């Protein structure tokens, strides 16, 4: 599965929901986060898209006017932080059901 992390400038954040309605892009796995919420020193709004190559290429094209893909090292850090956040949340839910 291919992945891209697109950094969208704050002034274009309101356009993200409309861009995600693209037919091909909308069929991919999409996660959004504020960089600050992931404790990253950035003002960007992050759109993480996982899916097939055609979907990823279409996402890059659709988001070109408002943002750009992060370099591989930065993208990996974002993905790792999001996964850690999700694991932490699922562990918390598990503890509720164990009680």
Protein backbone atom coordinates (compact mmCIF):
# COMPACT_ATOMS: atom_id res chain seq x y z
CA UNK A 1 0.00 0.00 0.00
CA UNK A 2 1.33 3.44 -0.94
CA UNK A 3 1.24 6.41 1.42
CA UNK A 4 1.63 10.16 1.11
CA UNK A 5 1.58 12.86 3.78
CA UNK A 6 0.53 16.22 2.40
CA UNK A 7 1.24 19.39 4.34
CA UNK A 8 -1.50 21.97 3.81
CA UNK A 9 -0.91 25.59 4.81
CA UNK A 10 -3.30 26.89 7.48
CA UNK A 11 -4.95 29.38 5.13
CA UNK A 12 -6.10 26.51 2.89
CA UNK A 13 -7.39 24.17 5.60
CA UNK A 14 -11.01 25.03 4.79
CA UNK A 15 -10.52 23.64 1.26
CA UNK A 16 -9.47 20.16 2.46
CA UNK A 17 -12.96 18.63 2.87
CA UNK A 18 -13.87 19.61 -0.69
CA UNK A 19 -10.61 18.21 -2.10
CA UNK A 20 -11.17 14.93 -0.26
CA UNK A 21 -14.48 14.50 -2.13
CA UNK A 22 -12.58 13.65 -5.32
CA UNK A 23 -13.92 10.27 -6.44
CA UNK A 24 -10.59 8.43 -6.51
CA UNK A 25 -9.09 10.15 -3.47
CA UNK A 26 -12.19 9.55 -1.34
CA UNK A 27 -11.83 5.78 -1.80
CA UNK A 28 -8.42 5.77 -0.07
CA UNK A 29 -7.75 5.61 3.67
CA UNK A 30 -7.56 9.22 4.90
CA UNK A 31 -6.36 10.62 8.23
CA UNK A 32 -6.06 14.31 9.08
CA UNK A 33 -4.22 15.97 11.95
CA UNK A 34 -2.90 19.35 13.01
CA UNK A 35 0.90 19.19 13.17
CA UNK A 36 0.78 20.83 16.60
CA UNK A 37 -1.46 18.01 17.89
CA UNK A 38 1.35 15.60 17.05
CA UNK A 39 3.82 17.85 18.89
CA UNK A 40 5.55 18.82 15.64
CA UNK A 41 7.03 22.28 15.22
CA UNK A 42 4.94 23.19 12.22
CA UNK A 43 1.93 25.27 11.30
CA UNK A 44 0.72 22.73 8.74
CA UNK A 45 -2.49 20.76 8.58
CA UNK A 46 -1.54 17.20 7.67
CA UNK A 47 -3.46 14.91 5.33
CA UNK A 48 -2.27 11.30 5.36
CA UNK A 49 -3.53 9.21 2.47
CA UNK A 50 -2.93 5.47 2.18
CA UNK A 51 -4.09 3.42 -0.75
CA UNK A 52 -3.25 2.33 -4.25
CA UNK A 53 -0.74 4.10 -6.48
CA UNK A 54 -3.42 5.70 -8.68
CA UNK A 55 -5.20 7.10 -5.64
CA UNK A 56 -1.99 8.51 -4.20
CA UNK A 57 -0.99 10.12 -7.49
CA UNK A 58 -4.47 11.63 -7.83
CA UNK A 59 -4.26 13.00 -4.27
CA UNK A 60 -0.94 14.67 -5.03
CA UNK A 61 -2.50 16.26 -8.10
CA UNK A 62 -5.68 17.40 -6.32
CA UNK A 63 -3.77 18.92 -3.38
CA UNK A 64 -1.12 20.66 -5.51
CA UNK A 65 -2.81 24.12 -5.27
CA UNK A 66 -2.94 24.05 -1.44
CA UNK A 67 -0.03 21.94 -0.23
CA UNK A 68 2.71 19.52 -1.07
CA UNK A 69 3.90 16.06 -0.01
CA UNK A 70 6.30 16.08 2.90
CA UNK A 71 9.82 14.72 2.41
CA UNK A 72 10.08 11.01 3.22
CA UNK A 73 11.80 11.47 6.60
CA UNK A 74 9.19 13.98 7.83
CA UNK A 75 6.34 11.87 6.46
CA UNK A 76 7.64 8.79 8.32
CA UNK A 77 7.76 10.78 11.58
CA UNK A 78 4.16 11.94 11.09
CA UNK A 79 2.95 8.41 10.33
CA UNK A 80 4.80 6.98 13.34
CA UNK A 81 3.30 9.60 15.67
CA UNK A 82 -0.23 9.04 14.35
CA UNK A 83 0.10 5.26 14.78
CA UNK A 84 1.45 5.70 18.32
CA UNK A 85 -1.49 8.01 19.11
CA UNK A 86 -3.96 5.45 17.73
CA UNK A 87 -2.37 2.58 19.68
CA UNK A 88 -2.49 4.61 22.87
CA UNK A 89 -6.18 5.35 22.29
CA UNK A 90 -7.03 1.72 21.57
CA UNK A 91 -5.20 0.59 24.70
CA UNK A 92 -7.30 3.03 26.72
CA UNK A 93 -10.51 1.64 25.24
CA UNK A 94 -9.31 -1.90 25.98
CA UNK A 95 -8.79 -1.00 29.62
CA UNK A 96 -12.39 0.22 29.85
CA UNK A 97 -13.69 -3.15 28.67
CA UNK A 98 -11.34 -5.09 30.97
CA UNK A 99 -12.77 -3.41 34.07
